[in-house]
Structures are given as C-alpha cells and as structure tokens.
Protein backbone atom coordinates (compact mmCIF):
# COMPACT_ATOMS: atom_id res chain seq x y z
CA UNK A 1 32.93 57.71 -10.54
CA UNK A 2 36.56 56.66 -9.15
CA UNK A 3 38.28 55.28 -12.48
CA UNK A 4 39.11 52.15 -10.61
CA UNK A 5 35.89 51.31 -10.12
CA UNK A 6 34.89 51.90 -13.47
CA UNK A 7 37.25 49.66 -14.92
CA UNK A 8 36.15 47.08 -11.83
CA UNK A 9 32.54 47.73 -12.99
CA UNK A 10 33.43 47.15 -16.96
CA UNK A 11 35.65 43.75 -15.52
CA UNK A 12 32.39 42.45 -13.87
CA UNK A 13 30.34 43.02 -16.94
CA UNK A 14 32.37 41.78 -19.79
CA UNK A 15 32.58 38.49 -17.21
CA UNK A 16 28.93 38.40 -16.64
CA UNK A 17 28.51 38.39 -20.33
CA UNK A 18 31.56 35.97 -21.19
CA UNK A 19 29.90 33.44 -18.66
CA UNK A 20 26.08 34.05 -19.99
CA UNK A 21 27.44 33.74 -24.09
CA UNK A 22 29.59 30.38 -22.65
CA UNK A 23 26.42 28.72 -21.26
CA UNK A 24 23.57 29.87 -23.57
CA UNK A 25 24.00 26.83 -25.84
CA UNK A 26 23.42 24.76 -22.94
CA UNK A 27 20.59 26.75 -21.82
CA UNK A 28 19.01 26.53 -25.54
CA UNK A 29 19.69 22.70 -25.50
CA UNK A 30 17.64 22.16 -22.57
CA UNK A 31 14.53 24.27 -23.66
CA UNK A 32 11.69 22.20 -25.42
CA UNK A 33 12.42 21.97 -29.34
CA UNK A 34 9.14 23.26 -31.48
CA UNK A 35 7.22 20.59 -33.04
CA UNK A 36 8.96 18.94 -36.15
CA UNK A 37 7.68 20.78 -39.69
CA UNK A 38 7.16 17.00 -40.62
CA UNK A 39 4.10 16.45 -38.32
CA UNK A 40 2.39 19.30 -40.71
CA UNK A 41 3.60 17.02 -44.24
CA UNK A 42 1.40 14.47 -46.03
CA UNK A 43 4.84 12.36 -46.95
CA UNK A 44 4.03 9.07 -46.47
CA UNK A 45 1.57 6.56 -47.24
CA UNK A 46 -2.56 7.04 -47.27
CA UNK A 47 -5.53 4.79 -47.31
CA UNK A 48 -7.89 7.28 -48.76
CA UNK A 49 -11.22 7.61 -50.45
CA UNK A 50 -11.82 9.61 -53.92
CA UNK A 51 -15.64 10.28 -54.67
CA UNK A 52 -15.23 12.38 -58.46
CA UNK A 53 -18.72 14.28 -59.94
CA UNK A 54 -21.51 12.03 -59.27
CA UNK A 55 -19.59 8.50 -59.11
CA UNK A 56 -19.64 6.38 -55.47
CA UNK A 57 -16.38 6.89 -53.40
CA UNK A 58 -13.51 4.66 -54.40
CA UNK A 59 -10.63 3.25 -52.18
CA UNK A 60 -7.49 3.98 -53.13
CA UNK A 61 -3.83 4.86 -51.66
CA UNK A 62 -1.60 7.88 -52.25
CA UNK A 63 1.83 8.17 -51.35
CA UNK A 64 3.37 11.21 -50.89
CA UNK A 65 6.77 10.92 -51.12
CA UNK A 66 9.34 13.22 -49.81
CA UNK A 67 10.65 14.27 -53.30
CA UNK A 68 7.69 15.89 -53.65
CA UNK A 69 6.17 12.95 -56.20
CA UNK A 70 2.91 11.37 -55.47
CA UNK A 71 1.58 7.79 -56.51
CA UNK A 72 -2.16 7.21 -56.48
CA UNK A 73 -2.56 3.21 -56.98
CA UNK A 74 -6.42 3.51 -57.83
CA UNK A 75 -9.16 0.79 -56.36
CA UNK A 76 -8.72 -2.66 -56.80
CA UNK A 77 -10.59 -5.16 -59.59
CA UNK A 78 -12.23 -8.18 -58.90
CA UNK A 79 -8.63 -9.88 -58.80
CA UNK A 80 -7.45 -6.99 -56.56
CA UNK A 81 -4.77 -5.93 -59.58
CA UNK A 82 -5.84 -1.89 -59.31
CA UNK A 83 -7.62 -0.29 -62.02
CA UNK A 84 -4.96 2.36 -62.73
CA UNK A 85 -1.92 3.76 -60.96
CA UNK A 86 -0.95 7.56 -61.10
CA UNK A 87 1.42 9.87 -60.67
CA UNK A 88 2.38 13.64 -59.86
CA UNK A 89 3.75 16.16 -57.56
CA UNK A 90 3.08 17.67 -54.35
CA UNK A 91 3.87 21.32 -52.76
CA UNK A 92 3.32 22.07 -48.88
CA UNK A 93 1.65 25.02 -47.39
CA UNK A 94 1.14 26.77 -43.98
CA UNK A 95 0.19 25.10 -41.18
CA UNK A 96 -0.69 21.30 -42.97
CA UNK A 97 -1.94 22.55 -46.03
CA UNK A 98 -0.57 21.23 -49.38
CA UNK A 99 -1.50 21.23 -53.21
CA UNK A 100 -1.01 18.06 -55.28
CA UNK A 101 -1.76 16.99 -58.96
CA UNK A 102 -2.33 13.66 -59.67
CA UNK A 103 -2.91 12.09 -63.73
CA UNK A 104 -3.60 8.40 -64.05
CA UNK A 105 -5.25 6.56 -66.85
CA UNK A 106 -9.31 6.33 -67.36
CA UNK A 107 -10.15 3.28 -66.71
CA UNK A 108 -13.04 1.64 -68.70
CA UNK A 109 -14.59 3.81 -71.09
CA UNK A 110 -12.85 5.73 -73.96
CA UNK A 111 -9.17 5.55 -73.35
CA UNK A 112 -7.60 8.62 -72.02
CA UNK A 113 -6.30 10.32 -69.31
CA UNK A 114 -7.73 11.72 -65.88
CA UNK A 115 -5.76 14.99 -64.46
CA UNK A 116 -6.79 16.65 -61.00
CA UNK A 117 -5.71 19.34 -59.25
CA UNK A 118 -6.64 19.59 -55.82
CA UNK A 119 -6.11 21.36 -52.40
CA UNK A 120 -5.39 19.47 -49.16
CA UNK A 121 -5.44 20.30 -45.90
CA UNK A 122 -3.82 17.81 -42.28
CA UNK A 123 -6.70 18.19 -39.64
CA UNK A 124 -4.49 15.86 -37.60
CA UNK A 125 -1.11 13.83 -38.57
CA UNK A 126 -3.32 11.20 -39.21
CA UNK A 127 -6.27 12.40 -41.44
CA UNK A 128 -6.42 14.83 -43.76
CA UNK A 129 -9.35 16.22 -46.68
CA UNK A 130 -8.50 17.67 -50.11
CA UNK A 131 -11.08 18.99 -52.68
CA UNK A 132 -10.39 20.11 -56.61
CA UNK A 133 -11.04 19.43 -59.92
CA UNK A 134 -10.52 16.26 -62.68
CA UNK A 135 -10.68 17.54 -66.39
CA UNK A 136 -10.41 14.48 -69.00
CA UNK A 137 -8.14 13.98 -71.90
CA UNK A 138 -9.49 11.36 -73.92
CA UNK A 139 -7.10 9.63 -76.87
CA UNK A 140 -9.41 11.01 -79.97
CA UNK A 141 -8.52 14.87 -78.74
CA UNK A 142 -11.59 15.37 -77.21
CA UNK A 143 -11.46 16.70 -73.90
CA UNK A 144 -14.35 16.88 -70.43
CA UNK A 145 -14.65 18.20 -67.66
CA UNK A 146 -14.20 19.63 -65.33
CA UNK A 147 -15.42 17.41 -62.60
CA UNK A 148 -15.52 18.19 -58.70
CA UNK A 149 -13.07 15.34 -56.65
CA UNK A 150 -12.88 15.06 -53.20
CA UNK A 151 -10.53 12.83 -50.67
CA UNK A 152 -10.12 12.19 -47.71
CA UNK A 153 -7.32 9.81 -46.34
CA UNK A 154 -6.24 8.51 -42.94
CA UNK A 155 -2.42 7.94 -42.75
CA UNK A 156 -1.08 3.79 -43.24
CA UNK A 157 2.39 2.54 -43.02
CA UNK A 158 4.25 2.07 -46.52
CA UNK A 159 4.59 -1.15 -47.56
C-alpha cells in the first residue's frame, strides 16, 4: 500500500472515530432510560393488613422512609387513636424484595414489646406482601414467641 493512501486511511479512520465519540452522548441521551430503581422500592406510605399468629387481621399503616427507617401505626381504637406506634428499619434486596424489622409496645395485656422481622416482596409498584416472625419481650423479663406474622399492603398517599 502506498504511504500516502495509508496516511489518508488513517486520517479518515481518526475522523470517523472523533465524529462517533462526539455524537455518542447525544445518541445515548435519546435512547430510552431504564426504569428507575425507585419503582422497585417500598419507600413511601402503605395501608396494610397485619395478621399475627391466630389473631384476626388488623388494619395498620406503614411508612418506609428513604433514610431506611420504618414507622408502623397500629390499628385505631374506638376513638381513632392508634393502639401503638412502632419503629424499625428496612433494607432493600433484589427485584423488589426487601427486609424490615419493627418494634412496638404491646397493646393491652401485660406490658412489653413486640419485635418483628419480615421479608417482603413488591408484586407491583402498588402492592407488597411480607411474612416473618414476632417475638415478645415482657417487662417482667419473660419472653414469648415466635409467632408468625404476615402483612399485605397497598401504596397510599403520605399525609
């Protein structure tokens, strides 16, 4: 190959590479973006039903906060006041799975605290199901459990 032809080919290849690199960000910017990770996160507020052991399901509210804390508001009494407010933490998993723990005072009966650990899974951006166990720690030093717990929730507006 003639040196002049080789030089022209090298210059042409360099120009094509420069042009493709210059347009790459524009081409990438116009391609569809992947679904945001937030769609697979439980972060937000939920109306839920919690069933623990052989007790009937109770309406509760959950808030999975972006700082990975959880707030649980227990079912309301006859005056509309929650029987308890609980707190905990959550950690994300893969493909909409997550794990959370919640502690709350025991309503009625002997004084103490319930501590639950659950594994959850989003079935859509608007629904999840979780199951786990609850252990009971009474103020007199005794313990109880574990008791199985299931929670199903639908996404709600945060107030």
